[in-house]
C-alpha atoms as a PDB file:
ATOM      1  CA  UNK A   1      92.679 111.951  92.844  1.00  0.00           C
ATOM      2  CA  UNK A   2      89.281 110.563  93.572  1.00  0.00           C
ATOM      3  CA  UNK A   3      87.082 113.276  95.057  1.00  0.00           C
ATOM      4  CA  UNK A   4      83.930 111.169  95.378  1.00  0.00           C
ATOM      5  CA  UNK A   5      84.303 110.935  99.182  1.00  0.00           C
ATOM      6  CA  UNK A   6      84.433 114.709  99.760  1.00  0.00           C
ATOM      7  CA  UNK A   7      81.496 117.070 100.342  1.00  0.00           C
ATOM      8  CA  UNK A   8      81.804 120.852 100.013  1.00  0.00           C
ATOM      9  CA  UNK A   9      79.879 122.839 102.618  1.00  0.00           C
ATOM     10  CA  UNK A  10      79.758 126.521 103.537  1.00  0.00           C
ATOM     11  CA  UNK A  11      79.902 127.811 107.071  1.00  0.00           C
ATOM     12  CA  UNK A  12      80.899 130.665 109.363  1.00  0.00           C
ATOM     13  CA  UNK A  13      84.018 130.768 111.541  1.00  0.00           C
ATOM     14  CA  UNK A  14      82.947 130.945 115.185  1.00  0.00           C
ATOM     15  CA  UNK A  15      86.203 130.576 117.112  1.00  0.00           C
ATOM     16  CA  UNK A  16      89.968 130.602 116.490  1.00  0.00           C
ATOM     17  CA  UNK A  17      91.846 127.677 118.028  1.00  0.00           C
ATOM     18  CA  UNK A  18      95.598 126.924 118.209  1.00  0.00           C
ATOM     19  CA  UNK A  19      97.598 125.572 115.233  1.00  0.00           C
ATOM     20  CA  UNK A  20      95.490 127.172 112.475  1.00  0.00           C
ATOM     21  CA  UNK A  21      92.327 125.331 113.457  1.00  0.00           C
ATOM     22  CA  UNK A  22      88.902 126.905 113.656  1.00  0.00           C
ATOM     23  CA  UNK A  23      85.444 126.059 115.002  1.00  0.00           C
ATOM     24  CA  UNK A  24      83.010 126.413 112.082  1.00  0.00           C
ATOM     25  CA  UNK A  25      79.222 126.609 112.315  1.00  0.00           C
ATOM     26  CA  UNK A  26      77.437 124.838 109.462  1.00  0.00           C
ATOM     27  CA  UNK A  27      73.671 125.201 109.413  1.00  0.00           C
ATOM     28  CA  UNK A  28      71.684 125.773 112.579  1.00  0.00           C
ATOM     29  CA  UNK A  29      72.962 123.087 114.942  1.00  0.00           C
ATOM     30  CA  UNK A  30      76.005 121.516 113.271  1.00  0.00           C
ATOM     31  CA  UNK A  31      79.539 122.642 114.002  1.00  0.00           C
ATOM     32  CA  UNK A  32      82.842 121.151 112.938  1.00  0.00           C
ATOM     33  CA  UNK A  33      86.566 121.579 113.438  1.00  0.00           C
ATOM     34  CA  UNK A  34      88.382 122.944 110.395  1.00  0.00           C
ATOM     35  CA  UNK A  35      92.035 123.435 109.521  1.00  0.00           C
ATOM     36  CA  UNK A  36      93.609 125.613 106.825  1.00  0.00           C
ATOM     37  CA  UNK A  37      94.604 124.020 103.537  1.00  0.00           C
ATOM     38  CA  UNK A  38      98.219 124.260 102.367  1.00  0.00           C
ATOM     39  CA  UNK A  39      97.549 126.936  99.730  1.00  0.00           C
ATOM     40  CA  UNK A  40      95.867 129.165 102.312  1.00  0.00           C
ATOM     41  CA  UNK A  41      98.854 128.775 104.666  1.00  0.00           C
ATOM     42  CA  UNK A  42     101.407 129.521 101.929  1.00  0.00           C
ATOM     43  CA  UNK A  43      99.518 132.612 100.773  1.00  0.00           C
ATOM     44  CA  UNK A  44      99.002 133.839 104.395  1.00  0.00           C
ATOM     45  CA  UNK A  45      95.195 134.013 104.179  1.00  0.00           C
ATOM     46  CA  UNK A  46      93.921 135.237 107.549  1.00  0.00           C
ATOM     47  CA  UNK A  47      90.594 134.197 109.038  1.00  0.00           C
ATOM     48  CA  UNK A  48      88.649 135.936 111.776  1.00  0.00           C
ATOM     49  CA  UNK A  49      85.445 134.983 113.575  1.00  0.00           C
ATOM     50  CA  UNK A  50      82.501 135.874 111.362  1.00  0.00           C
ATOM     51  CA  UNK A  51      84.220 135.036 108.054  1.00  0.00           C
ATOM     52  CA  UNK A  52      82.327 132.770 105.673  1.00  0.00           C
ATOM     53  CA  UNK A  53      84.356 129.819 104.384  1.00  0.00           C
ATOM     54  CA  UNK A  54      84.018 126.789 102.101  1.00  0.00           C
ATOM     55  CA  UNK A  55      85.046 123.512 103.750  1.00  0.00           C
ATOM     56  CA  UNK A  56      85.802 120.058 102.341  1.00  0.00           C
ATOM     57  CA  UNK A  57      84.310 117.425 104.654  1.00  0.00           C
ATOM     58  CA  UNK A  58      85.084 113.721 104.339  1.00  0.00           C
ATOM     59  CA  UNK A  59      82.241 111.217 104.356  1.00  0.00           C
ATOM     60  CA  UNK A  60      84.174 109.163 106.907  1.00  0.00           C
ATOM     61  CA  UNK A  61      84.484 111.872 109.584  1.00  0.00           C
ATOM     62  CA  UNK A  62      81.848 114.597 109.425  1.00  0.00           C
ATOM     63  CA  UNK A  63      83.250 116.453 112.463  1.00  0.00           C
ATOM     64  CA  UNK A  64      86.504 117.614 110.807  1.00  0.00           C
ATOM     65  CA  UNK A  65      87.177 119.432 107.556  1.00  0.00           C
ATOM     66  CA  UNK A  66      89.729 121.327 105.487  1.00  0.00           C
ATOM     67  CA  UNK A  67      89.100 125.030 104.815  1.00  0.00           C
ATOM     68  CA  UNK A  68      89.753 125.583 101.106  1.00  0.00           C
ATOM     69  CA  UNK A  69      88.223 128.991 100.352  1.00  0.00           C
ATOM     70  CA  UNK A  70      87.398 132.255 102.130  1.00  0.00           C
ATOM     71  CA  UNK A  71      84.183 133.749 100.750  1.00  0.00           C
ATOM     72  CA  UNK A  72      84.393 137.498 100.295  1.00  0.00           C
ATOM     73  CA  UNK A  73      81.568 139.561 101.785  1.00  0.00           C
END
């Protein structure tokens, strides 16, 4: 796979939405819509508002991303 078009960013979950999607705040003003990756769904990783996460964001659509890692506090 070519991963040159993917940026990793860290953010905080702000809101839970239906179908395993989440509103994520990145930086001061930027927010994006994130969905759980397949490994996180299979392993039943739960996310709550306030959790820090790592998100893969495509260069083509900077408003959506895939949540790939939950950062432990």
